[in-house]
Amino acid sequence: MHSFRWLTIAILAALLAACSGGAPQDTVVVIPQGASIAKAGEILEKAGAVSASSFRNEARFFASDDPIKPGEYKIEKGMDAGDILALFQSGKTIQRLVMIPEGMPSIMVWDRLMAEKRLTGAIPVPPEGSILPDSYAFTTGESRAAVVKRMQAAMDKAFNELWAKRTPRTAAKDRNEAITLASIVEKETGVPAERRTVAGVYTNRLAVGMKLQADPTIIYPLTKGKPLGRRILRSEIQAVNDYNTYSMIGLPKGPIANPGKASLAAVLDPEPTDYLFFVAKGDGGHIFARTLSEHNANVQKWYQLRRERGEME
């Protein structure tokens, strides 16, 4: 009796293998959330991979009880119905990446996600400073909301780990202040080795009640962090709002971008320095000074260098 049963199964297996054959070429298919075996079979047949009937029969007679998982899959040439079913049950989907660079403001994160046609659903602009810059994997058909949720969870995790290691030197009293100051540091220097020094300068300024005078805080209310595309106007420097650190003492009301881990770490453990000033060198780096007279001399040196380069009259 048992031998007859196994013989029947063997015959069925041989028939299925003969009928289904293998995928004639590499093919990419997307299995939606909640798709049944029958639906997956229809998708495979439409894509020209294997017939729907062979896929259903494979699942009916030989598959484990593991469910098929949604996502985007690469069906390789020669894979038969059994191979494809095992792939769907494994969840080994094609991984796409969306990259969020350090210092990208949330409006540009939104732009990038909305421009990714493989993602689905509308989202609001994420709160500024809630996204951790990084490369994030996603699968075709995944919702933008789900990707944002992962980005924000990554920021929560990174911040909590760094906050637990903060030193007494930090000027930040809470999460908002830490991320706000980190976002300014992120926008002010393009040299990784300078982050702690710039954070130290701003920490010193906050300690003595000096204005931070960070140019990116002037731009943020105008463009939500997108490039201004022109020089800052004098009227914009003098504008009074919740962000402009030329017209206020202390930190803006919130972040002006999404800072990365390095800038967060810098403001939570700033360099112990007595610098109060710095001026850009034009290569992303800065010259630092302890006194106003020293700073003014550095500014004049830099202006002279720019004149010699023909960058200024």
C-alpha atoms as a PDB file:
ATOM      1  CA  MET A   1       0.000   0.000   0.000  1.00  0.00           C
ATOM      2  CA  HIS A   2       2.748   2.396   0.978  1.00  0.00           C
ATOM      3  CA  SER A   3       4.807   1.498  -2.046  1.00  0.00           C
ATOM      4  CA  PHE A   4       1.822   2.253  -4.301  1.00  0.00           C
ATOM      5  CA  ARG A   5       1.450   5.677  -2.675  1.00  0.00           C
ATOM      6  CA  TRP A   6       5.094   6.567  -3.195  1.00  0.00           C
ATOM      7  CA  LEU A   7       4.950   5.274  -6.753  1.00  0.00           C
ATOM      8  CA  THR A   8       1.984   7.577  -7.413  1.00  0.00           C
ATOM      9  CA  ILE A   9       3.850  10.551  -5.996  1.00  0.00           C
ATOM     10  CA  ALA A  10       6.907   9.733  -8.087  1.00  0.00           C
ATOM     11  CA  ILE A  11       4.804   9.520 -11.241  1.00  0.00           C
ATOM     12  CA  LEU A  12       3.151  12.860 -10.431  1.00  0.00           C
ATOM     13  CA  ALA A  13       6.544  14.432  -9.848  1.00  0.00           C
ATOM     14  CA  ALA A  14       7.813  13.155 -13.153  1.00  0.00           C
ATOM     15  CA  LEU A  15       4.726  14.402 -14.967  1.00  0.00           C
ATOM     16  CA  LEU A  16       4.971  17.851 -13.342  1.00  0.00           C
ATOM     17  CA  ALA A  17       8.639  18.151 -14.200  1.00  0.00           C
ATOM     18  CA  ALA A  18       7.947  17.150 -17.777  1.00  0.00           C
ATOM     19  CA  CYS A  19       5.020  19.556 -18.135  1.00  0.00           C
ATOM     20  CA  SER A  20       6.465  22.577 -16.400  1.00  0.00           C
ATOM     21  CA  GLY A  21      10.011  22.618 -17.732  1.00  0.00           C
ATOM     22  CA  GLY A  22      12.230  25.472 -16.604  1.00  0.00           C
ATOM     23  CA  ALA A  23      12.001  29.232 -17.008  1.00  0.00           C
ATOM     24  CA  PRO A  24      13.146  30.056 -20.558  1.00  0.00           C
ATOM     25  CA  GLN A  25      15.038  33.178 -19.462  1.00  0.00           C
ATOM     26  CA  ASP A  26      15.803  35.398 -16.469  1.00  0.00           C
ATOM     27  CA  THR A  27      12.606  37.134 -15.385  1.00  0.00           C
ATOM     28  CA  VAL A  28      11.663  39.547 -12.602  1.00  0.00           C
ATOM     29  CA  VAL A  29       8.242  39.226 -10.954  1.00  0.00           C
ATOM     30  CA  VAL A  30       6.552  41.048  -8.085  1.00  0.00           C
ATOM     31  CA  ILE A  31       4.403  39.046  -5.661  1.00  0.00           C
ATOM     32  CA  PRO A  32       1.997  41.409  -3.853  1.00  0.00           C
ATOM     33  CA  GLN A  33       1.135  41.261  -0.172  1.00  0.00           C
ATOM     34  CA  GLY A  34      -1.458  38.582   0.551  1.00  0.00           C
ATOM     35  CA  ALA A  35      -1.105  36.866  -2.836  1.00  0.00           C
ATOM     36  CA  SER A  36      -2.366  33.282  -2.980  1.00  0.00           C
ATOM     37  CA  ILE A  37      -0.628  30.375  -4.681  1.00  0.00           C
ATOM     38  CA  ALA A  38      -3.110  30.707  -7.539  1.00  0.00           C
ATOM     39  CA  LYS A  39      -2.394  34.433  -7.896  1.00  0.00           C
ATOM     40  CA  ALA A  40       1.359  33.813  -7.850  1.00  0.00           C
ATOM     41  CA  GLY A  41       0.900  31.197 -10.552  1.00  0.00           C
ATOM     42  CA  GLU A  42      -0.996  33.664 -12.727  1.00  0.00           C
ATOM     43  CA  ILE A  43       1.805  36.211 -12.306  1.00  0.00           C
ATOM     44  CA  LEU A  44       4.417  33.614 -13.285  1.00  0.00           C
ATOM     45  CA  GLU A  45       2.489  32.486 -16.328  1.00  0.00           C
ATOM     46  CA  LYS A  46       1.927  36.073 -17.482  1.00  0.00           C
ATOM     47  CA  ALA A  47       5.662  36.722 -17.116  1.00  0.00           C
ATOM     48  CA  GLY A  48       6.425  33.638 -19.230  1.00  0.00           C
ATOM     49  CA  ALA A  49       8.336  31.866 -16.452  1.00  0.00           C
ATOM     50  CA  VAL A  50       6.292  28.694 -15.808  1.00  0.00           C
ATOM     51  CA  SER A  51       2.651  27.740 -16.276  1.00  0.00           C
ATOM     52  CA  ALA A  52       0.160  28.581 -13.567  1.00  0.00           C
ATOM     53  CA  SER A  53      -1.033  24.979 -13.400  1.00  0.00           C
ATOM     54  CA  SER A  54       2.455  23.544 -12.837  1.00  0.00           C
ATOM     55  CA  PHE A  55       3.082  26.052 -10.053  1.00  0.00           C
ATOM     56  CA  ARG A  56      -0.255  25.257  -8.368  1.00  0.00           C
ATOM     57  CA  ASN A  57       0.360  21.509  -8.643  1.00  0.00           C
ATOM     58  CA  GLU A  58       3.865  21.858  -7.222  1.00  0.00           C
ATOM     59  CA  ALA A  59       2.454  23.712  -4.234  1.00  0.00           C
ATOM     60  CA  ARG A  60      -0.418  21.257  -3.830  1.00  0.00           C
ATOM     61  CA  PHE A  61       1.558  18.029  -3.903  1.00  0.00           C
ATOM     62  CA  PHE A  62       5.120  18.767  -2.849  1.00  0.00           C
ATOM     63  CA  ALA A  63       5.486  22.111  -1.056  1.00  0.00           C
ATOM     64  CA  SER A  64       6.044  22.661   2.644  1.00  0.00           C
ATOM     65  CA  ASP A  65       3.465  24.560   4.630  1.00  0.00           C
ATOM     66  CA  ASP A  66       5.588  27.737   4.603  1.00  0.00           C
ATOM     67  CA  PRO A  67       3.701  30.688   3.086  1.00  0.00           C
ATOM     68  CA  ILE A  68       4.947  32.549   0.054  1.00  0.00           C
ATOM     69  CA  LYS A  69       6.338  35.968   0.920  1.00  0.00           C
ATOM     70  CA  PRO A  70       5.615  39.200  -0.931  1.00  0.00           C
ATOM     71  CA  GLY A  71       8.295  41.097  -2.781  1.00  0.00           C
ATOM     72  CA  GLU A  72      10.286  41.329  -5.989  1.00  0.00           C
ATOM     73  CA  TYR A  73      12.009  38.148  -7.150  1.00  0.00           C
ATOM     74  CA  LYS A  74      14.470  37.239  -9.884  1.00  0.00           C
ATOM     75  CA  ILE A  75      13.492  34.016 -11.624  1.00  0.00           C
ATOM     76  CA  GLU A  76      16.664  32.648 -13.182  1.00  0.00           C
ATOM     77  CA  LYS A  77      16.717  30.776 -16.465  1.00  0.00           C
ATOM     78  CA  GLY A  78      16.095  27.043 -15.951  1.00  0.00           C
ATOM     79  CA  MET A  79      14.311  27.317 -12.589  1.00  0.00           C
ATOM     80  CA  ASP A  80      11.295  25.008 -12.475  1.00  0.00           C
ATOM     81  CA  ALA A  81       8.069  25.417 -10.508  1.00  0.00           C
ATOM     82  CA  GLY A  82       9.573  23.790  -7.429  1.00  0.00           C
ATOM     83  CA  ASP A  83      12.622  26.038  -7.467  1.00  0.00           C
ATOM     84  CA  ILE A  84      10.434  29.111  -7.850  1.00  0.00           C
ATOM     85  CA  LEU A  85       8.117  28.071  -5.040  1.00  0.00           C
ATOM     86  CA  ALA A  86      11.087  27.524  -2.741  1.00  0.00           C
ATOM     87  CA  LEU A  87      12.381  30.976  -3.694  1.00  0.00           C
ATOM     88  CA  PHE A  88       9.036  32.598  -2.860  1.00  0.00           C
ATOM     89  CA  GLN A  89       8.927  30.781   0.467  1.00  0.00           C
ATOM     90  CA  SER A  90      12.491  31.854   1.311  1.00  0.00           C
ATOM     91  CA  GLY A  91      11.712  35.554   0.934  1.00  0.00           C
ATOM     92  CA  LYS A  92      15.042  36.173  -0.865  1.00  0.00           C
ATOM     93  CA  THR A  93      13.791  39.207  -2.733  1.00  0.00           C
ATOM     94  CA  ILE A  94      15.714  41.619  -4.960  1.00  0.00           C
ATOM     95  CA  GLN A  95      17.030  44.439  -2.784  1.00  0.00           C
ATOM     96  CA  ARG A  96      16.790  47.963  -4.181  1.00  0.00           C
ATOM     97  CA  LEU A  97      18.496  50.874  -2.428  1.00  0.00           C
ATOM     98  CA  VAL A  98      17.487  54.456  -1.737  1.00  0.00           C
ATOM     99  CA  MET A  99      20.363  56.628  -0.511  1.00  0.00           C
ATOM    100  CA  ILE A 100      19.908  59.519   1.912  1.00  0.00           C
ATOM    101  CA  PRO A 101      23.150  61.520   2.267  1.00  0.00           C
ATOM    102  CA  GLU A 102      24.143  63.233   5.497  1.00  0.00           C
ATOM    103  CA  GLY A 103      22.592  66.675   5.838  1.00  0.00           C
ATOM    104  CA  MET A 104      19.735  66.105   3.399  1.00  0.00           C
ATOM    105  CA  PRO A 105      16.666  68.082   4.560  1.00  0.00           C
ATOM    106  CA  SER A 106      13.365  66.258   4.862  1.00  0.00           C
ATOM    107  CA  ILE A 107      11.771  68.018   1.886  1.00  0.00           C
ATOM    108  CA  MET A 108      14.490  66.502  -0.305  1.00  0.00           C
ATOM    109  CA  VAL A 109      14.087  63.094   1.341  1.00  0.00           C
ATOM    110  CA  TRP A 110      10.399  63.376   0.398  1.00  0.00           C
ATOM    111  CA  ASP A 111      11.324  64.369  -3.165  1.00  0.00           C
ATOM    112  CA  ARG A 112      13.621  61.347  -3.471  1.00  0.00           C
ATOM    113  CA  LEU A 113      11.076  58.871  -2.143  1.00  0.00           C
ATOM    114  CA  MET A 114       8.239  60.243  -4.253  1.00  0.00           C
ATOM    115  CA  ALA A 115      10.452  60.065  -7.355  1.00  0.00           C
ATOM    116  CA  GLU A 116      11.152  56.349  -6.763  1.00  0.00           C
ATOM    117  CA  LYS A 117       8.519  54.753  -8.997  1.00  0.00           C
ATOM    118  CA  ARG A 118       9.023  51.291  -7.518  1.00  0.00           C
ATOM    119  CA  LEU A 119       7.560  52.481  -4.209  1.00  0.00           C
ATOM    120  CA  THR A 120       3.860  52.975  -3.569  1.00  0.00           C
ATOM    121  CA  GLY A 121       1.589  55.351  -1.664  1.00  0.00           C
ATOM    122  CA  ALA A 122       1.759  59.018  -0.764  1.00  0.00           C
ATOM    123  CA  ILE A 123       3.499  60.325   2.353  1.00  0.00           C
ATOM    124  CA  PRO A 124       3.771  63.683   4.095  1.00  0.00           C
ATOM    125  CA  VAL A 125       7.156  65.360   4.416  1.00  0.00           C
ATOM    126  CA  PRO A 126       8.824  63.646   7.403  1.00  0.00           C
ATOM    127  CA  PRO A 127       9.547  65.824  10.457  1.00  0.00           C
ATOM    128  CA  GLU A 128      12.925  67.496  10.057  1.00  0.00           C
ATOM    129  CA  GLY A 129      15.704  65.593  11.797  1.00  0.00           C
ATOM    130  CA  SER A 130      13.699  62.371  12.155  1.00  0.00           C
ATOM    131  CA  ILE A 131      15.521  60.492   9.355  1.00  0.00           C
ATOM    132  CA  LEU A 132      18.928  58.851   9.764  1.00  0.00           C
ATOM    133  CA  PRO A 133      20.994  59.344   6.590  1.00  0.00           C
ATOM    134  CA  ASP A 134      22.015  55.964   5.185  1.00  0.00           C
ATOM    135  CA  SER A 135      21.303  53.549   2.320  1.00  0.00           C
ATOM    136  CA  TYR A 136      18.010  51.702   2.768  1.00  0.00           C
ATOM    137  CA  ALA A 137      16.942  48.516   1.001  1.00  0.00           C
ATOM    138  CA  PHE A 138      13.409  48.200  -0.336  1.00  0.00           C
ATOM    139  CA  THR A 139      11.474  45.946  -2.675  1.00  0.00           C
ATOM    140  CA  THR A 140       9.317  46.971  -5.606  1.00  0.00           C
ATOM    141  CA  GLY A 141       5.757  47.568  -4.496  1.00  0.00           C
ATOM    142  CA  GLU A 142       6.705  48.421  -0.923  1.00  0.00           C
ATOM    143  CA  SER A 143       5.030  51.497   0.558  1.00  0.00           C
ATOM    144  CA  ARG A 144       6.921  54.743   1.028  1.00  0.00           C
ATOM    145  CA  ALA A 145       5.465  54.931   4.529  1.00  0.00           C
ATOM    146  CA  ALA A 146       7.180  51.637   5.413  1.00  0.00           C
ATOM    147  CA  VAL A 147      10.545  52.929   4.166  1.00  0.00           C
ATOM    148  CA  VAL A 148      10.178  56.161   6.155  1.00  0.00           C
ATOM    149  CA  LYS A 149       9.304  54.126   9.229  1.00  0.00           C
ATOM    150  CA  ARG A 150      12.586  52.190   8.891  1.00  0.00           C
ATOM    151  CA  MET A 151      14.535  55.426   8.418  1.00  0.00           C
ATOM    152  CA  GLN A 152      12.998  56.916  11.550  1.00  0.00           C
ATOM    153  CA  ALA A 153      13.527  53.749  13.562  1.00  0.00           C
ATOM    154  CA  ALA A 154      17.193  53.869  12.548  1.00  0.00           C
ATOM    155  CA  MET A 155      17.436  57.471  13.792  1.00  0.00           C
ATOM    156  CA  ASP A 156      15.755  56.535  17.082  1.00  0.00           C
ATOM    157  CA  LYS A 157      18.207  53.685  17.609  1.00  0.00           C
ATOM    158  CA  ALA A 158      21.287  55.729  16.660  1.00  0.00           C
ATOM    159  CA  PHE A 159      20.272  58.688  18.799  1.00  0.00           C
ATOM    160  CA  ASN A 160      19.509  56.581  21.870  1.00  0.00           C
ATOM    161  CA  GLU A 161      22.876  54.835  21.620  1.00  0.00           C
ATOM    162  CA  LEU A 162      24.790  58.113  21.224  1.00  0.00           C
ATOM    163  CA  TRP A 163      22.776  59.980  23.870  1.00  0.00           C
ATOM    164  CA  ALA A 164      23.680  57.291  26.399  1.00  0.00           C
ATOM    165  CA  LYS A 165      27.382  58.043  25.726  1.00  0.00           C
ATOM    166  CA  ARG A 166      27.127  61.861  25.849  1.00  0.00           C
ATOM    167  CA  THR A 167      29.757  63.783  27.800  1.00  0.00           C
ATOM    168  CA  PRO A 168      29.231  66.657  30.257  1.00  0.00           C
ATOM    169  CA  ARG A 169      30.663  69.042  27.627  1.00  0.00           C
ATOM    170  CA  THR A 170      27.595  68.797  25.390  1.00  0.00           C
ATOM    171  CA  ALA A 171      25.339  71.842  25.244  1.00  0.00           C
ATOM    172  CA  ALA A 172      22.306  69.725  24.349  1.00  0.00           C
ATOM    173  CA  LYS A 173      19.742  69.285  27.093  1.00  0.00           C
ATOM    174  CA  ASP A 174      17.426  67.002  25.137  1.00  0.00           C
ATOM    175  CA  ARG A 175      16.927  65.198  21.839  1.00  0.00           C
ATOM    176  CA  ASN A 176      15.608  68.225  19.945  1.00  0.00           C
ATOM    177  CA  GLU A 177      18.572  70.382  20.957  1.00  0.00           C
ATOM    178  CA  ALA A 178      21.062  67.626  20.096  1.00  0.00           C
ATOM    179  CA  ILE A 179      19.629  66.953  16.642  1.00  0.00           C
ATOM    180  CA  THR A 180      19.191  70.685  15.968  1.00  0.00           C
ATOM    181  CA  LEU A 181      22.824  71.481  16.782  1.00  0.00           C
ATOM    182  CA  ALA A 182      24.014  68.383  14.880  1.00  0.00           C
ATOM    183  CA  SER A 183      22.084  69.518  11.807  1.00  0.00           C
ATOM    184  CA  ILE A 184      23.892  72.884  11.910  1.00  0.00           C
ATOM    185  CA  VAL A 185      27.286  71.197  12.266  1.00  0.00           C
ATOM    186  CA  GLU A 186      26.368  68.901   9.357  1.00  0.00           C
ATOM    187  CA  LYS A 187      25.569  71.845   7.092  1.00  0.00           C
ATOM    188  CA  GLU A 188      28.562  73.952   8.163  1.00  0.00           C
ATOM    189  CA  THR A 189      31.465  71.617   7.437  1.00  0.00           C
ATOM    190  CA  GLY A 190      32.205  69.137   4.693  1.00  0.00           C
ATOM    191  CA  VAL A 191      35.356  67.878   6.406  1.00  0.00           C
ATOM    192  CA  PRO A 192      34.692  64.904   8.696  1.00  0.00           C
ATOM    193  CA  ALA A 193      37.726  65.663  10.889  1.00  0.00           C
ATOM    194  CA  GLU A 194      36.328  69.146  11.652  1.00  0.00           C
ATOM    195  CA  ARG A 195      32.958  68.066  13.032  1.00  0.00           C
ATOM    196  CA  ARG A 196      33.994  67.907  16.691  1.00  0.00           C
ATOM    197  CA  THR A 197      35.877  71.210  16.387  1.00  0.00           C
ATOM    198  CA  VAL A 198      32.900  73.007  14.828  1.00  0.00           C
ATOM    199  CA  ALA A 199      30.679  71.447  17.492  1.00  0.00           C
ATOM    200  CA  GLY A 200      33.144  72.756  20.092  1.00  0.00           C
ATOM    201  CA  VAL A 201      32.933  76.298  18.687  1.00  0.00           C
ATOM    202  CA  TYR A 202      29.141  76.314  18.817  1.00  0.00           C
ATOM    203  CA  THR A 203      29.146  74.755  22.265  1.00  0.00           C
ATOM    204  CA  ASN A 204      31.442  77.570  23.469  1.00  0.00           C
ATOM    205  CA  ARG A 205      29.236  80.219  21.865  1.00  0.00           C
ATOM    206  CA  LEU A 206      26.129  78.836  23.526  1.00  0.00           C
ATOM    207  CA  ALA A 207      27.954  78.788  26.863  1.00  0.00           C
ATOM    208  CA  VAL A 208      28.852  82.495  26.744  1.00  0.00           C
ATOM    209  CA  GLY A 209      25.619  83.711  25.143  1.00  0.00           C
ATOM    210  CA  MET A 210      27.027  84.513  21.694  1.00  0.00           C
ATOM    211  CA  LYS A 211      24.956  84.229  18.553  1.00  0.00           C
ATOM    212  CA  LEU A 212      25.736  81.097  16.548  1.00  0.00           C
ATOM    213  CA  GLN A 213      25.617  83.036  13.246  1.00  0.00           C
ATOM    214  CA  ALA A 214      25.285  79.925  11.073  1.00  0.00           C
ATOM    215  CA  ASP A 215      24.402  80.795   7.460  1.00  0.00           C
ATOM    216  CA  PRO A 216      22.330  77.615   6.883  1.00  0.00           C
ATOM    217  CA  THR A 217      19.876  78.784   9.562  1.00  0.00           C
ATOM    218  CA  ILE A 218      19.146  81.861   7.433  1.00  0.00           C
ATOM    219  CA  ILE A 219      18.404  79.725   4.390  1.00  0.00           C
ATOM    220  CA  TYR A 220      16.203  77.105   6.052  1.00  0.00           C
ATOM    221  CA  PRO A 221      13.070  79.276   6.547  1.00  0.00           C
ATOM    222  CA  LEU A 222      13.354  80.394   2.917  1.00  0.00           C
ATOM    223  CA  THR A 223      13.718  77.015   1.185  1.00  0.00           C
ATOM    224  CA  LYS A 224      13.127  74.337   3.882  1.00  0.00           C
ATOM    225  CA  GLY A 225      16.747  73.375   3.363  1.00  0.00           C
ATOM    226  CA  LYS A 226      16.955  73.231  -0.421  1.00  0.00           C
ATOM    227  CA  PRO A 227      19.835  75.182  -2.017  1.00  0.00           C
ATOM    228  CA  LEU A 228      19.148  78.911  -2.163  1.00  0.00           C
ATOM    229  CA  GLY A 229      20.862  79.309  -5.530  1.00  0.00           C
ATOM    230  CA  ARG A 230      22.052  82.834  -4.860  1.00  0.00           C
ATOM    231  CA  ARG A 231      23.774  84.971  -2.246  1.00  0.00           C
ATOM    232  CA  ILE A 232      21.994  85.638   1.012  1.00  0.00           C
ATOM    233  CA  LEU A 233      20.440  89.135   1.091  1.00  0.00           C
ATOM    234  CA  ARG A 234      21.159  91.570   3.907  1.00  0.00           C
ATOM    235  CA  SER A 235      17.449  91.694   4.692  1.00  0.00           C
ATOM    236  CA  GLU A 236      17.509  87.888   5.103  1.00  0.00           C
ATOM    237  CA  ILE A 237      20.477  88.086   7.460  1.00  0.00           C
ATOM    238  CA  GLN A 238      18.542  90.567   9.595  1.00  0.00           C
ATOM    239  CA  ALA A 239      15.236  88.653   9.438  1.00  0.00           C
ATOM    240  CA  VAL A 240      13.766  87.689  12.797  1.00  0.00           C
ATOM    241  CA  ASN A 241      12.286  84.177  12.922  1.00  0.00           C
ATOM    242  CA  ASP A 242      12.586  80.908  14.810  1.00  0.00           C
ATOM    243  CA  TYR A 243      15.648  79.750  12.843  1.00  0.00           C
ATOM    244  CA  ASN A 244      17.898  82.698  11.989  1.00  0.00           C
ATOM    245  CA  THR A 245      20.864  82.493  14.369  1.00  0.00           C
ATOM    246  CA  TYR A 246      22.119  85.900  13.192  1.00  0.00           C
ATOM    247  CA  SER A 247      19.140  87.592  14.844  1.00  0.00           C
ATOM    248  CA  MET A 248      18.752  85.373  17.914  1.00  0.00           C
ATOM    249  CA  ILE A 249      20.826  83.949  20.721  1.00  0.00           C
ATOM    250  CA  GLY A 250      20.661  80.193  21.208  1.00  0.00           C
ATOM    251  CA  LEU A 251      19.510  77.336  19.040  1.00  0.00           C
ATOM    252  CA  PRO A 252      16.784  77.424  16.375  1.00  0.00           C
ATOM    253  CA  LYS A 253      13.464  75.885  17.361  1.00  0.00           C
ATOM    254  CA  GLY A 254      14.293  72.662  15.498  1.00  0.00           C
ATOM    255  CA  PRO A 255      16.669  70.911  13.082  1.00  0.00           C
ATOM    256  CA  ILE A 256      17.462  72.357   9.665  1.00  0.00           C
ATOM    257  CA  ALA A 257      18.394  68.986   8.094  1.00  0.00           C
ATOM    258  CA  ASN A 258      18.805  65.308   8.900  1.00  0.00           C
ATOM    259  CA  PRO A 259      22.233  64.895  10.508  1.00  0.00           C
ATOM    260  CA  GLY A 260      24.287  61.715  10.332  1.00  0.00           C
ATOM    261  CA  LYS A 261      25.741  59.718  13.202  1.00  0.00           C
ATOM    262  CA  ALA A 262      29.107  61.500  13.079  1.00  0.00           C
ATOM    263  CA  SER A 263      27.604  64.964  13.570  1.00  0.00           C
ATOM    264  CA  LEU A 264      25.344  63.693  16.339  1.00  0.00           C
ATOM    265  CA  ALA A 265      28.356  62.149  18.049  1.00  0.00           C
ATOM    266  CA  ALA A 266      30.268  65.430  17.631  1.00  0.00           C
ATOM    267  CA  VAL A 267      27.714  67.590  19.427  1.00  0.00           C
ATOM    268  CA  LEU A 268      27.288  65.020  22.192  1.00  0.00           C
ATOM    269  CA  ASP A 269      31.068  64.907  22.687  1.00  0.00           C
ATOM    270  CA  PRO A 270      32.396  68.229  21.317  1.00  0.00           C
ATOM    271  CA  GLU A 271      36.097  68.932  21.107  1.00  0.00           C
ATOM    272  CA  PRO A 272      37.341  70.650  24.272  1.00  0.00           C
ATOM    273  CA  THR A 273      38.632  73.845  22.684  1.00  0.00           C
ATOM    274  CA  ASP A 274      38.632  77.575  23.336  1.00  0.00           C
ATOM    275  CA  TYR A 275      37.838  78.493  19.719  1.00  0.00           C
ATOM    276  CA  LEU A 276      34.940  80.908  19.252  1.00  0.00           C
ATOM    277  CA  PHE A 277      35.263  81.747  15.550  1.00  0.00           C
ATOM    278  CA  PHE A 278      35.880  80.100  12.194  1.00  0.00           C
ATOM    279  CA  VAL A 279      35.903  81.132   8.562  1.00  0.00           C
ATOM    280  CA  ALA A 280      35.519  78.947   5.482  1.00  0.00           C
ATOM    281  CA  LYS A 281      38.608  78.292   3.369  1.00  0.00           C
ATOM    282  CA  GLY A 282      36.644  77.513   0.227  1.00  0.00           C
ATOM    283  CA  ASP A 283      37.561  73.829   0.130  1.00  0.00           C
ATOM    284  CA  GLY A 284      34.935  72.689   2.637  1.00  0.00           C
ATOM    285  CA  GLY A 285      37.286  73.284   5.561  1.00  0.00           C
ATOM    286  CA  HIS A 286      37.715  76.189   7.984  1.00  0.00           C
ATOM    287  CA  ILE A 287      40.302  78.304   9.798  1.00  0.00           C
ATOM    288  CA  PHE A 288      39.576  78.570  13.532  1.00  0.00           C
ATOM    289  CA  ALA A 289      40.309  81.447  15.923  1.00  0.00           C
ATOM    290  CA  ARG A 290      40.077  82.162  19.645  1.00  0.00           C
ATOM    291  CA  THR A 291      39.658  85.941  19.502  1.00  0.00           C
ATOM    292  CA  LEU A 292      37.781  88.360  17.272  1.00  0.00           C
ATOM    293  CA  SER A 293      40.990  90.090  16.188  1.00  0.00           C
ATOM    294  CA  GLU A 294      42.530  86.747  15.208  1.00  0.00           C
ATOM    295  CA  HIS A 295      39.340  85.852  13.354  1.00  0.00           C
ATOM    296  CA  ASN A 296      39.277  89.175  11.483  1.00  0.00           C
ATOM    297  CA  ALA A 297      42.886  88.633  10.410  1.00  0.00           C
ATOM    298  CA  ASN A 298      41.937  85.167   9.113  1.00  0.00           C
ATOM    299  CA  VAL A 299      39.012  86.650   7.201  1.00  0.00           C
ATOM    300  CA  GLN A 300      41.256  89.245   5.552  1.00  0.00           C
ATOM    301  CA  LYS A 301      43.787  86.554   4.597  1.00  0.00           C
ATOM    302  CA  TRP A 302      41.024  84.498   3.036  1.00  0.00           C
ATOM    303  CA  TYR A 303      39.571  87.485   1.156  1.00  0.00           C
ATOM    304  CA  GLN A 304      43.028  88.302  -0.190  1.00  0.00           C
ATOM    305  CA  LEU A 305      43.492  84.722  -1.347  1.00  0.00           C
ATOM    306  CA  ARG A 306      40.119  84.833  -3.110  1.00  0.00           C
ATOM    307  CA  ARG A 307      41.077  88.098  -4.824  1.00  0.00           C
ATOM    308  CA  GLU A 308      44.295  86.517  -6.047  1.00  0.00           C
ATOM    309  CA  ARG A 309      42.267  83.642  -7.451  1.00  0.00           C
ATOM    310  CA  GLY A 310      39.975  86.083  -9.197  1.00  0.00           C
ATOM    311  CA  GLU A 311      36.990  85.014  -7.124  1.00  0.00           C
ATOM    312  CA  MET A 312      36.515  88.530  -5.655  1.00  0.00           C
ATOM    313  CA  GLU A 313      37.173  92.044  -6.892  1.00  0.00           C
END
